[in-house]
Amino acid sequence: DGAYSLVSLFLTLVSVAAASYIHKPRKNPSAINITKVEPM
């Protein structure tokens, strides 16, 4: 139970970072990179 909470915490931080990357404004956005962030 504790290990799952710790893993969930780490994965939440990864998710938040990914979400920030998705929303980050870009001058020349790469369709392939943005599209594959979520499934990765």
Full PDB file with SEQRES, HELIX, SHEET, SSBOND, CRYST1, ORIGX, SCALE, CONECT and MASTER records, all heavy atoms in Angstrom:
SEQRES   1 A   40  ASP GLY ALA TYR SER LEU VAL SER LEU PHE LEU THR LEU          
SEQRES   2 A   40  VAL SER VAL ALA ALA ALA SER TYR ILE HIS LYS PRO ARG          
SEQRES   3 A   40  LYS ASN PRO SER ALA ILE ASN ILE THR LYS VAL GLU PRO          
SEQRES   4 A   40  MET                                                          
HELIX    1 AA1 GLY A    2  HIS A   23  1                                  22    
HELIX    2 AA2 ALA A   31  VAL A   37  1                                   7    
CRYST1    1.000    1.000    1.000  90.00  90.00  90.00 P 1           1          
ORIGX1      1.000000  0.000000  0.000000        0.00000                         
ORIGX2      0.000000  1.000000  0.000000        0.00000                         
ORIGX3      0.000000  0.000000  1.000000        0.00000                         
SCALE1      1.000000  0.000000  0.000000        0.00000                         
SCALE2      0.000000  1.000000  0.000000        0.00000                         
SCALE3      0.000000  0.000000  1.000000        0.00000                         
ATOM      1  N   ASP A   1       0.831  -1.204   0.000  1.00  0.00           N  
ATOM      2  CA  ASP A   1       0.000   0.000   0.000  1.00  0.00           C  
ATOM      3  C   ASP A   1       0.867   1.256   0.000  1.00  0.00           C  
ATOM      4  O   ASP A   1       0.621   2.210  -0.742  1.00  0.00           O  
ATOM      5  CB  ASP A   1      -0.928  -0.016   1.216  1.00  0.00           C  
ATOM      6  CG  ASP A   1      -1.949   1.115   1.184  1.00  0.00           C  
ATOM      7  OD1 ASP A   1      -2.611   1.273   0.149  1.00  0.00           O  
ATOM      8  OD2 ASP A   1      -2.077   1.838   2.175  1.00  0.00           O  
ATOM      9  N   GLY A   2       1.905   1.249   0.845  1.00  0.00           N  
ATOM     10  CA  GLY A   2       2.808   2.392   0.900  1.00  0.00           C  
ATOM     11  C   GLY A   2       3.613   2.547  -0.372  1.00  0.00           C  
ATOM     12  O   GLY A   2       3.813   3.666  -0.866  1.00  0.00           O  
ATOM     13  N   ALA A   3       4.084   1.416  -0.913  1.00  0.00           N  
ATOM     14  CA  ALA A   3       4.865   1.463  -2.153  1.00  0.00           C  
ATOM     15  C   ALA A   3       4.013   1.949  -3.316  1.00  0.00           C  
ATOM     16  O   ALA A   3       4.489   2.718  -4.173  1.00  0.00           O  
ATOM     17  CB  ALA A   3       5.433   0.073  -2.463  1.00  0.00           C  
ATOM     18  N   TYR A   4       2.739   1.531  -3.338  1.00  0.00           N  
ATOM     19  CA  TYR A   4       1.845   1.983  -4.399  1.00  0.00           C  
ATOM     20  C   TYR A   4       1.638   3.499  -4.311  1.00  0.00           C  
ATOM     21  O   TYR A   4       1.622   4.191  -5.323  1.00  0.00           O  
ATOM     22  CB  TYR A   4       0.504   1.265  -4.316  1.00  0.00           C  
ATOM     23  CG  TYR A   4      -0.485   1.741  -5.364  1.00  0.00           C  
ATOM     24  CD1 TYR A   4      -0.370   1.303  -6.682  1.00  0.00           C  
ATOM     25  CD2 TYR A   4      -1.495   2.640  -5.046  1.00  0.00           C  
ATOM     26  CE1 TYR A   4      -1.249   1.752  -7.652  1.00  0.00           C  
ATOM     27  CE2 TYR A   4      -2.381   3.088  -6.005  1.00  0.00           C  
ATOM     28  CZ  TYR A   4      -2.249   2.637  -7.311  1.00  0.00           C  
ATOM     29  OH  TYR A   4      -3.116   3.099  -8.269  1.00  0.00           O  
ATOM     30  N   SER A   5       1.495   4.013  -3.090  1.00  0.00           N  
ATOM     31  CA  SER A   5       1.340   5.453  -2.902  1.00  0.00           C  
ATOM     32  C   SER A   5       2.581   6.198  -3.380  1.00  0.00           C  
ATOM     33  O   SER A   5       2.483   7.261  -4.002  1.00  0.00           O  
ATOM     34  CB  SER A   5       1.086   5.778  -1.419  1.00  0.00           C  
ATOM     35  OG  SER A   5      -0.135   5.227  -0.983  1.00  0.00           O  
ATOM     36  N   LEU A   6       3.758   5.624  -3.098  1.00  0.00           N  
ATOM     37  CA  LEU A   6       5.008   6.258  -3.512  1.00  0.00           C  
ATOM     38  C   LEU A   6       5.148   6.247  -5.031  1.00  0.00           C  
ATOM     39  O   LEU A   6       5.534   7.254  -5.643  1.00  0.00           O  
ATOM     40  CB  LEU A   6       6.192   5.523  -2.871  1.00  0.00           C  
ATOM     41  CG  LEU A   6       7.545   6.224  -2.952  1.00  0.00           C  
ATOM     42  CD1 LEU A   6       7.502   7.555  -2.219  1.00  0.00           C  
ATOM     43  CD2 LEU A   6       8.636   5.333  -2.361  1.00  0.00           C  
ATOM     44  N   VAL A   7       4.817   5.120  -5.649  1.00  0.00           N  
ATOM     45  CA  VAL A   7       4.871   5.026  -7.111  1.00  0.00           C  
ATOM     46  C   VAL A   7       3.851   5.968  -7.742  1.00  0.00           C  
ATOM     47  O   VAL A   7       4.140   6.654  -8.729  1.00  0.00           O  
ATOM     48  CB  VAL A   7       4.618   3.574  -7.575  1.00  0.00           C  
ATOM     49  CG1 VAL A   7       4.428   3.506  -9.087  1.00  0.00           C  
ATOM     50  CG2 VAL A   7       5.779   2.679  -7.159  1.00  0.00           C  
ATOM     51  N   SER A   8       2.659   6.032  -7.161  1.00  0.00           N  
ATOM     52  CA  SER A   8       1.621   6.930  -7.670  1.00  0.00           C  
ATOM     53  C   SER A   8       2.070   8.382  -7.585  1.00  0.00           C  
ATOM     54  O   SER A   8       1.813   9.184  -8.490  1.00  0.00           O  
ATOM     55  CB  SER A   8       0.317   6.760  -6.872  1.00  0.00           C  
ATOM     56  OG  SER A   8      -0.212   5.476  -7.066  1.00  0.00           O  
ATOM     57  N   LEU A   9       2.763   8.712  -6.493  1.00  0.00           N  
ATOM     58  CA  LEU A   9       3.277  10.073  -6.321  1.00  0.00           C  
ATOM     59  C   LEU A   9       4.278  10.406  -7.417  1.00  0.00           C  
ATOM     60  O   LEU A   9       4.201  11.472  -8.050  1.00  0.00           O  
ATOM     61  CB  LEU A   9       3.940  10.196  -4.944  1.00  0.00           C  
ATOM     62  CG  LEU A   9       4.714  11.478  -4.666  1.00  0.00           C  
ATOM     63  CD1 LEU A   9       3.794  12.688  -4.727  1.00  0.00           C  
ATOM     64  CD2 LEU A   9       5.392  11.401  -3.300  1.00  0.00           C  
ATOM     65  N   PHE A  10       5.198   9.498  -7.664  1.00  0.00           N  
ATOM     66  CA  PHE A  10       6.202   9.713  -8.702  1.00  0.00           C  
ATOM     67  C   PHE A  10       5.553   9.845 -10.080  1.00  0.00           C  
ATOM     68  O   PHE A  10       5.889  10.738 -10.864  1.00  0.00           O  
ATOM     69  CB  PHE A  10       7.202   8.552  -8.702  1.00  0.00           C  
ATOM     70  CG  PHE A  10       8.123   8.540  -9.893  1.00  0.00           C  
ATOM     71  CD1 PHE A  10       9.110   9.489 -10.035  1.00  0.00           C  
ATOM     72  CD2 PHE A  10       7.986   7.568 -10.880  1.00  0.00           C  
ATOM     73  CE1 PHE A  10       9.953   9.483 -11.139  1.00  0.00           C  
ATOM     74  CE2 PHE A  10       8.812   7.549 -11.977  1.00  0.00           C  
ATOM     75  CZ  PHE A  10       9.809   8.504 -12.113  1.00  0.00           C  
ATOM     76  N   LEU A  11       4.585   8.977 -10.350  1.00  0.00           N  
ATOM     77  CA  LEU A  11       3.926   8.996 -11.652  1.00  0.00           C  
ATOM     78  C   LEU A  11       3.049  10.234 -11.819  1.00  0.00           C  
ATOM     79  O   LEU A  11       2.885  10.740 -12.930  1.00  0.00           O  
ATOM     80  CB  LEU A  11       3.084   7.731 -11.835  1.00  0.00           C  
ATOM     81  CG  LEU A  11       3.888   6.422 -11.910  1.00  0.00           C  
ATOM     82  CD1 LEU A  11       2.952   5.237 -12.050  1.00  0.00           C  
ATOM     83  CD2 LEU A  11       4.870   6.450 -13.068  1.00  0.00           C  
ATOM     84  N   THR A  12       2.502  10.750 -10.709  1.00  0.00           N  
ATOM     85  CA  THR A  12       1.734  11.991 -10.779  1.00  0.00           C  
ATOM     86  C   THR A  12       2.633  13.148 -11.180  1.00  0.00           C  
ATOM     87  O   THR A  12       2.259  14.002 -11.994  1.00  0.00           O  
ATOM     88  CB  THR A  12       1.072  12.299  -9.417  1.00  0.00           C  
ATOM     89  OG1 THR A  12       0.122  11.280  -9.127  1.00  0.00           O  
ATOM     90  CG2 THR A  12       0.349  13.643  -9.445  1.00  0.00           C  
ATOM     91  N   LEU A  13       3.849  13.182 -10.618  1.00  0.00           N  
ATOM     92  CA  LEU A  13       4.805  14.224 -10.974  1.00  0.00           C  
ATOM     93  C   LEU A  13       5.188  14.128 -12.456  1.00  0.00           C  
ATOM     94  O   LEU A  13       5.328  15.144 -13.135  1.00  0.00           O  
ATOM     95  CB  LEU A  13       6.059  14.109 -10.093  1.00  0.00           C  
ATOM     96  CG  LEU A  13       5.852  14.365  -8.599  1.00  0.00           C  
ATOM     97  CD1 LEU A  13       7.153  14.116  -7.829  1.00  0.00           C  
ATOM     98  CD2 LEU A  13       5.359  15.780  -8.356  1.00  0.00           C  
ATOM     99  N   VAL A  14       5.334  12.897 -12.935  1.00  0.00           N  
ATOM    100  CA  VAL A  14       5.622  12.695 -14.362  1.00  0.00           C  
ATOM    101  C   VAL A  14       4.461  13.201 -15.211  1.00  0.00           C  
ATOM    102  O   VAL A  14       4.651  13.861 -16.237  1.00  0.00           O  
ATOM    103  CB  VAL A  14       5.887  11.198 -14.662  1.00  0.00           C  
ATOM    104  CG1 VAL A  14       5.999  10.963 -16.165  1.00  0.00           C  
ATOM    105  CG2 VAL A  14       7.158  10.745 -13.969  1.00  0.00           C  
ATOM    106  N   SER A  15       3.240  12.920 -14.769  1.00  0.00           N  
ATOM    107  CA  SER A  15       2.049  13.336 -15.504  1.00  0.00           C  
ATOM    108  C   SER A  15       1.922  14.861 -15.552  1.00  0.00           C  
ATOM    109  O   SER A  15       1.578  15.434 -16.575  1.00  0.00           O  
ATOM    110  CB  SER A  15       0.789  12.737 -14.852  1.00  0.00           C  
ATOM    111  OG  SER A  15       0.816  11.342 -14.923  1.00  0.00           O  
ATOM    112  N   VAL A  16       2.181  15.506 -14.408  1.00  0.00           N  
ATOM    113  CA  VAL A  16       2.100  16.964 -14.358  1.00  0.00           C  
ATOM    114  C   VAL A  16       3.139  17.587 -15.295  1.00  0.00           C  
ATOM    115  O   VAL A  16       2.860  18.557 -16.007  1.00  0.00           O  
ATOM    116  CB  VAL A  16       2.308  17.472 -12.915  1.00  0.00           C  
ATOM    117  CG1 VAL A  16       2.441  18.992 -12.883  1.00  0.00           C  
ATOM    118  CG2 VAL A  16       1.145  17.042 -12.032  1.00  0.00           C  
ATOM    119  N   ALA A  17       4.344  17.001 -15.310  1.00  0.00           N  
ATOM    120  CA  ALA A  17       5.389  17.500 -16.204  1.00  0.00           C  
ATOM    121  C   ALA A  17       4.982  17.317 -17.659  1.00  0.00           C  
ATOM    122  O   ALA A  17       5.192  18.203 -18.500  1.00  0.00           O  
ATOM    123  CB  ALA A  17       6.704  16.765 -15.922  1.00  0.00           C  
ATOM    124  N   ALA A  18       4.370  16.172 -17.958  1.00  0.00           N  
ATOM    125  CA  ALA A  18       3.915  15.914 -19.326  1.00  0.00           C  
ATOM    126  C   ALA A  18       2.807  16.881 -19.729  1.00  0.00           C  
ATOM    127  O   ALA A  18       2.769  17.378 -20.856  1.00  0.00           O  
ATOM    128  CB  ALA A  18       3.421  14.474 -19.449  1.00  0.00           C  
ATOM    129  N   ALA A  19       1.892  17.147 -18.787  1.00  0.00           N  
ATOM    130  CA  ALA A  19       0.799  18.071 -19.059  1.00  0.00           C  
ATOM    131  C   ALA A  19       1.338  19.473 -19.330  1.00  0.00           C  
ATOM    132  O   ALA A  19       0.857  20.192 -20.218  1.00  0.00           O  
ATOM    133  CB  ALA A  19      -0.167  18.109 -17.876  1.00  0.00           C  
ATOM    134  N   SER A  20       2.370  19.882 -18.561  1.00  0.00           N  
ATOM    135  CA  SER A  20       2.987  21.193 -18.779  1.00  0.00           C  
ATOM    136  C   SER A  20       3.629  21.257 -20.154  1.00  0.00           C  
ATOM    137  O   SER A  20       3.568  22.281 -20.837  1.00  0.00           O  
ATOM    138  CB  SER A  20       4.033  21.464 -17.692  1.00  0.00           C  
ATOM    139  OG  SER A  20       3.443  21.478 -16.412  1.00  0.00           O  
ATOM    140  N   TYR A  21       4.228  20.150 -20.569  1.00  0.00           N  
ATOM    141  CA  TYR A  21       4.860  20.107 -21.889  1.00  0.00           C  
ATOM    142  C   TYR A  21       3.821  20.225 -22.996  1.00  0.00           C  
ATOM    143  O   TYR A  21       4.025  20.917 -23.995  1.00  0.00           O  
ATOM    144  CB  TYR A  21       5.639  18.793 -22.038  1.00  0.00           C  
ATOM    145  CG  TYR A  21       6.259  18.615 -23.403  1.00  0.00           C  
ATOM    146  CD1 TYR A  21       7.433  19.274 -23.742  1.00  0.00           C  
ATOM    147  CD2 TYR A  21       5.664  17.777 -24.357  1.00  0.00           C  
ATOM    148  CE1 TYR A  21       7.993  19.120 -25.002  1.00  0.00           C  
ATOM    149  CE2 TYR A  21       6.223  17.615 -25.604  1.00  0.00           C  
ATOM    150  CZ  TYR A  21       7.388  18.289 -25.925  1.00  0.00           C  
ATOM    151  OH  TYR A  21       7.934  18.133 -27.168  1.00  0.00           O  
ATOM    152  N   ILE A  22       2.673  19.564 -22.805  1.00  0.00           N  
ATOM    153  CA  ILE A  22       1.620  19.610 -23.808  1.00  0.00           C  
ATOM    154  C   ILE A  22       1.085  21.031 -23.967  1.00  0.00           C  
ATOM    155  O   ILE A  22       0.811  21.495 -25.072  1.00  0.00           O  
ATOM    156  CB  ILE A  22       0.471  18.652 -23.429  1.00  0.00           C  
ATOM    157  CG1 ILE A  22       0.937  17.201 -23.562  1.00  0.00           C  
ATOM    158  CG2 ILE A  22      -0.753  18.876 -24.312  1.00  0.00           C  
ATOM    159  CD1 ILE A  22      -0.081  16.184 -23.075  1.00  0.00           C  
ATOM    160  N   HIS A  23       0.942  21.750 -22.848  1.00  0.00           N  
ATOM    161  CA  HIS A  23       0.377  23.099 -22.876  1.00  0.00           C  
ATOM    162  C   HIS A  23       1.404  24.181 -23.198  1.00  0.00           C  
ATOM    163  O   HIS A  23       1.041  25.328 -23.402  1.00  0.00           O  
ATOM    164  CB  HIS A  23      -0.276  23.422 -21.527  1.00  0.00           C  
ATOM    165  CG  HIS A  23      -1.624  22.795 -21.356  1.00  0.00           C  
ATOM    166  ND1 HIS A  23      -2.692  23.113 -22.143  1.00  0.00           N  
ATOM    167  CD2 HIS A  23      -2.058  21.846 -20.487  1.00  0.00           C  
ATOM    168  CE1 HIS A  23      -3.746  22.402 -21.769  1.00  0.00           C  
ATOM    169  NE2 HIS A  23      -3.380  21.619 -20.765  1.00  0.00           N  
ATOM    170  N   LYS A  24       2.678  23.814 -23.190  1.00  0.00           N  
ATOM    171  CA  LYS A  24       3.727  24.808 -23.413  1.00  0.00           C  
ATOM    172  C   LYS A  24       3.624  25.386 -24.826  1.00  0.00           C  
ATOM    173  O   LYS A  24       3.584  24.658 -25.806  1.00  0.00           O  
ATOM    174  CB  LYS A  24       5.100  24.154 -23.231  1.00  0.00           C  
ATOM    175  CG  LYS A  24       6.256  25.142 -23.324  1.00  0.00           C  
ATOM    176  CD  LYS A  24       7.577  24.418 -23.084  1.00  0.00           C  
ATOM    177  CE  LYS A  24       8.743  25.391 -23.171  1.00  0.00           C  
ATOM    178  NZ  LYS A  24      10.040  24.705 -22.946  1.00  0.00           N  
ATOM    179  N   PRO A  25       3.560  26.728 -24.941  1.00  0.00           N  
ATOM    180  CA  PRO A  25       3.451  27.344 -26.273  1.00  0.00           C  
ATOM    181  C   PRO A  25       4.716  27.133 -27.094  1.00  0.00           C  
ATOM    182  O   PRO A  25       5.831  27.171 -26.570  1.00  0.00           O  
ATOM    183  CB  PRO A  25       3.232  28.830 -25.946  1.00  0.00           C  
ATOM    184  CG  PRO A  25       3.665  29.011 -24.545  1.00  0.00           C  
ATOM    185  CD  PRO A  25       3.549  27.704 -23.858  1.00  0.00           C  
ATOM    186  N   ARG A  26       4.534  26.912 -28.378  1.00  0.00           N  
ATOM    187  CA  ARG A  26       5.661  26.655 -29.271  1.00  0.00           C  
ATOM    188  C   ARG A  26       5.529  27.475 -30.545  1.00  0.00           C  
ATOM    189  O   ARG A  26       4.438  27.642 -31.077  1.00  0.00           O  
ATOM    190  CB  ARG A  26       5.729  25.161 -29.661  1.00  0.00           C  
ATOM    191  CG  ARG A  26       5.919  24.230 -28.501  1.00  0.00           C  
ATOM    192  CD  ARG A  26       5.755  22.784 -28.938  1.00  0.00           C  
ATOM    193  NE  ARG A  26       6.012  21.896 -27.825  1.00  0.00           N  
ATOM    194  CZ  ARG A  26       5.150  21.670 -26.851  1.00  0.00           C  
ATOM    195  NH1 ARG A  26       3.974  22.234 -26.887  1.00  0.00           N  
ATOM    196  NH2 ARG A  26       5.457  20.874 -25.860  1.00  0.00           N  
ATOM    197  N   LYS A  27       6.643  27.957 -31.027  1.00  0.00           N  
ATOM    198  CA  LYS A  27       6.643  28.680 -32.305  1.00  0.00           C  
ATOM    199  C   LYS A  27       6.537  27.704 -33.471  1.00  0.00           C  
ATOM    200  O   LYS A  27       5.858  27.948 -34.450  1.00  0.00           O  
ATOM    201  CB  LYS A  27       7.931  29.503 -32.428  1.00  0.00           C  
ATOM    202  CG  LYS A  27       8.024  30.644 -31.425  1.00  0.00           C  
ATOM    203  CD  LYS A  27       9.293  31.450 -31.638  1.00  0.00           C  
ATOM    204  CE  LYS A  27       9.375  32.613 -30.647  1.00  0.00           C  
ATOM    205  NZ  LYS A  27      10.626  33.405 -30.813  1.00  0.00           N  
ATOM    206  N   ASN A  28       7.228  26.584 -33.341  1.00  0.00           N  
ATOM    207  CA  ASN A  28       7.189  25.555 -34.390  1.00  0.00           C  
ATOM    208  C   ASN A  28       6.859  24.204 -33.758  1.00  0.00           C  
ATOM    209  O   ASN A  28       7.738  23.374 -33.550  1.00  0.00           O  
ATOM    210  CB  ASN A  28       8.536  25.466 -35.124  1.00  0.00           C  
ATOM    211  CG  ASN A  28       8.885  26.754 -35.825  1.00  0.00           C  
ATOM    212  OD1 ASN A  28       8.092  27.282 -36.596  1.00  0.00           O  
ATOM    213  ND2 ASN A  28      10.086  27.277 -35.554  1.00  0.00           N  
ATOM    214  N   PRO A  29       5.602  23.993 -33.396  1.00  0.00           N  
ATOM    215  CA  PRO A  29       5.224  22.746 -32.722  1.00  0.00           C  
ATOM    216  C   PRO A  29       5.435  21.521 -33.596  1.00  0.00           C  
ATOM    217  O   PRO A  29       5.148  21.537 -34.786  1.00  0.00           O  
ATOM    218  CB  PRO A  29       3.743  22.952 -32.415  1.00  0.00           C  
ATOM    219  CG  PRO A  29       3.278  23.949 -33.423  1.00  0.00           C  
ATOM    220  CD  PRO A  29       4.448  24.852 -33.683  1.00  0.00           C  
ATOM    221  N   SER A  30       5.931  20.486 -32.970  1.00  0.00           N  
ATOM    222  CA  SER A  30       6.122  19.219 -33.673  1.00  0.00           C  
ATOM    223  C   SER A  30       4.917  18.330 -33.405  1.00  0.00           C  
ATOM    224  O   SER A  30       4.688  17.897 -32.290  1.00  0.00           O  
ATOM    225  CB  SER A  30       7.408  18.532 -33.194  1.00  0.00           C  
ATOM    226  OG  SER A  30       7.488  17.229 -33.712  1.00  0.00           O  
ATOM    227  N   ALA A  31       4.122  18.065 -34.437  1.00  0.00           N  
ATOM    228  CA  ALA A  31       2.893  17.281 -34.281  1.00  0.00           C  
ATOM    229  C   ALA A  31       3.176  15.892 -33.729  1.00  0.00           C  
ATOM    230  O   ALA A  31       2.469  15.395 -32.866  1.00  0.00           O  
ATOM    231  CB  ALA A  31       2.176  17.171 -35.624  1.00  0.00           C  
ATOM    232  N   ILE A  32       4.241  15.279 -34.218  1.00  0.00           N  
ATOM    233  CA  ILE A  32       4.544  13.913 -33.797  1.00  0.00           C  
ATOM    234  C   ILE A  32       4.943  13.886 -32.326  1.00  0.00           C  
ATOM    235  O   ILE A  32       4.471  13.073 -31.548  1.00  0.00           O  
ATOM    236  CB  ILE A  32       5.671  13.324 -34.675  1.00  0.00           C  
ATOM    237  CG1 ILE A  32       5.200  13.212 -36.124  1.00  0.00           C  
ATOM    238  CG2 ILE A  32       6.102  11.967 -34.146  1.00  0.00           C  
ATOM    239  CD1 ILE A  32       6.249  12.671 -37.070  1.00  0.00           C  
ATOM    240  N   ASN A  33       5.815  14.821 -31.902  1.00  0.00           N  
ATOM    241  CA  ASN A  33       6.283  14.825 -30.524  1.00  0.00           C  
ATOM    242  C   ASN A  33       5.146  15.079 -29.541  1.00  0.00           C  
ATOM    243  O   ASN A  33       5.030  14.393 -28.532  1.00  0.00           O  
ATOM    244  CB  ASN A  33       7.370  15.886 -30.336  1.00  0.00           C  
ATOM    245  CG  ASN A  33       8.671  15.493 -31.008  1.00  0.00           C  
ATOM    246  OD1 ASN A  33       8.885  14.322 -31.272  1.00  0.00           O  
ATOM    247  ND2 ASN A  33       9.522  16.452 -31.293  1.00  0.00           N  
ATOM    248  N   ILE A  34       4.304  16.080 -29.824  1.00  0.00           N  
ATOM    249  CA  ILE A  34       3.215  16.416 -28.916  1.00  0.00           C  
ATOM    250  C   ILE A  34       2.214  15.267 -28.834  1.00  0.00           C  
ATOM    251  O   ILE A  34       1.721  14.918 -27.769  1.00  0.00           O  
ATOM    252  CB  ILE A  34       2.505  17.706 -29.375  1.00  0.00           C  
ATOM    253  CG1 ILE A  34       3.489  18.879 -29.309  1.00  0.00           C  
ATOM    254  CG2 ILE A  34       1.303  17.997 -28.501  1.00  0.00           C  
ATOM    255  CD1 ILE A  34       2.916  20.171 -29.849  1.00  0.00           C  
ATOM    256  N   THR A  35       1.899  14.679 -29.964  1.00  0.00           N  
ATOM    257  CA  THR A  35       0.925  13.595 -30.009  1.00  0.00           C  
ATOM    258  C   THR A  35       1.388  12.381 -29.212  1.00  0.00           C  
ATOM    259  O   THR A  35       0.579  11.704 -28.574  1.00  0.00           O  
ATOM    260  CB  THR A  35       0.676  13.160 -31.468  1.00  0.00           C  
ATOM    261  OG1 THR A  35       0.277  14.289 -32.215  1.00  0.00           O  
ATOM    262  CG2 THR A  35      -0.394  12.096 -31.544  1.00  0.00           C  
ATOM    263  N   LYS A  36       2.689  12.115 -29.210  1.00  0.00           N  
ATOM    264  CA  LYS A  36       3.195  10.897 -28.580  1.00  0.00           C  
ATOM    265  C   LYS A  36       3.549  11.058 -27.108  1.00  0.00           C  
ATOM    266  O   LYS A  36       3.843  10.062 -26.436  1.00  0.00           O  
ATOM    267  CB  LYS A  36       4.416  10.392 -29.350  1.00  0.00           C  
ATOM    268  CG  LYS A  36       4.061   9.853 -30.728  1.00  0.00           C  
ATOM    269  CD  LYS A  36       5.221   9.133 -31.370  1.00  0.00           C  
ATOM    270  CE  LYS A  36       4.797   8.489 -32.695  1.00  0.00           C  
ATOM    271  NZ  LYS A  36       5.882   7.723 -33.318  1.00  0.00           N  
ATOM    272  N   VAL A  37       3.494  12.290 -26.583  1.00  0.00           N  
ATOM    273  CA  VAL A  37       3.822  12.493 -25.174  1.00  0.00           C  
ATOM    274  C   VAL A  37       2.853  11.724 -24.275  1.00  0.00           C  
ATOM    275  O   VAL A  37       3.260  10.982 -23.374  1.00  0.00           O  
ATOM    276  CB  VAL A  37       3.794  13.994 -24.809  1.00  0.00           C  
ATOM    277  CG1 VAL A  37       3.865  14.166 -23.291  1.00  0.00           C  
ATOM    278  CG2 VAL A  37       4.964  14.713 -25.460  1.00  0.00           C  
ATOM    279  N   GLU A  38       1.550  11.901 -24.539  1.00  0.00           N  
ATOM    280  CA  GLU A  38       0.540  11.270 -23.691  1.00  0.00           C  
ATOM    281  C   GLU A  38       0.641   9.751 -23.669  1.00  0.00           C  
ATOM    282  O   GLU A  38       0.746   9.151 -22.593  1.00  0.00           O  
ATOM    283  CB  GLU A  38      -0.859  11.705 -24.124  1.00  0.00           C  
ATOM    284  CG  GLU A  38      -1.960  11.037 -23.325  1.00  0.00           C  
ATOM    285  CD  GLU A  38      -3.341  11.364 -23.871  1.00  0.00           C  
ATOM    286  OE1 GLU A  38      -3.494  12.383 -24.555  1.00  0.00           O  
ATOM    287  OE2 GLU A  38      -4.259  10.578 -23.609  1.00  0.00           O  
ATOM    288  N   PRO A  39       0.614   9.051 -24.813  1.00  0.00           N  
ATOM    289  CA  PRO A  39       0.699   7.583 -24.770  1.00  0.00           C  
ATOM    290  C   PRO A  39       2.016   7.074 -24.200  1.00  0.00           C  
ATOM    291  O   PRO A  39       2.046   6.009 -23.576  1.00  0.00           O  
ATOM    292  CB  PRO A  39       0.518   7.167 -26.234  1.00  0.00           C  
ATOM    293  CG  PRO A  39       0.819   8.383 -27.028  1.00  0.00           C  
ATOM    294  CD  PRO A  39       0.396   9.537 -26.193  1.00  0.00           C  
ATOM    295  N   MET A  40       3.105   7.832 -24.396  1.00  0.00           N  
ATOM    296  CA  MET A  40       4.398   7.413 -23.836  1.00  0.00           C  
ATOM    297  C   MET A  40       4.347   7.430 -22.309  1.00  0.00           C  
ATOM    298  O   MET A  40       4.831   6.500 -21.648  1.00  0.00           O  
ATOM    299  CB  MET A  40       5.519   8.324 -24.345  1.00  0.00           C  
ATOM    300  CG  MET A  40       5.925   8.067 -25.787  1.00  0.00           C  
ATOM    301  SD  MET A  40       7.144   9.254 -26.391  1.00  0.00           S  
ATOM    302  CE  MET A  40       8.536   8.868 -25.350  1.00  0.00           C  
TER     303      MET A  40                                                      
MASTER        0    0    0    2    0    0    0    6  302    1    0    4          
END                                                                             
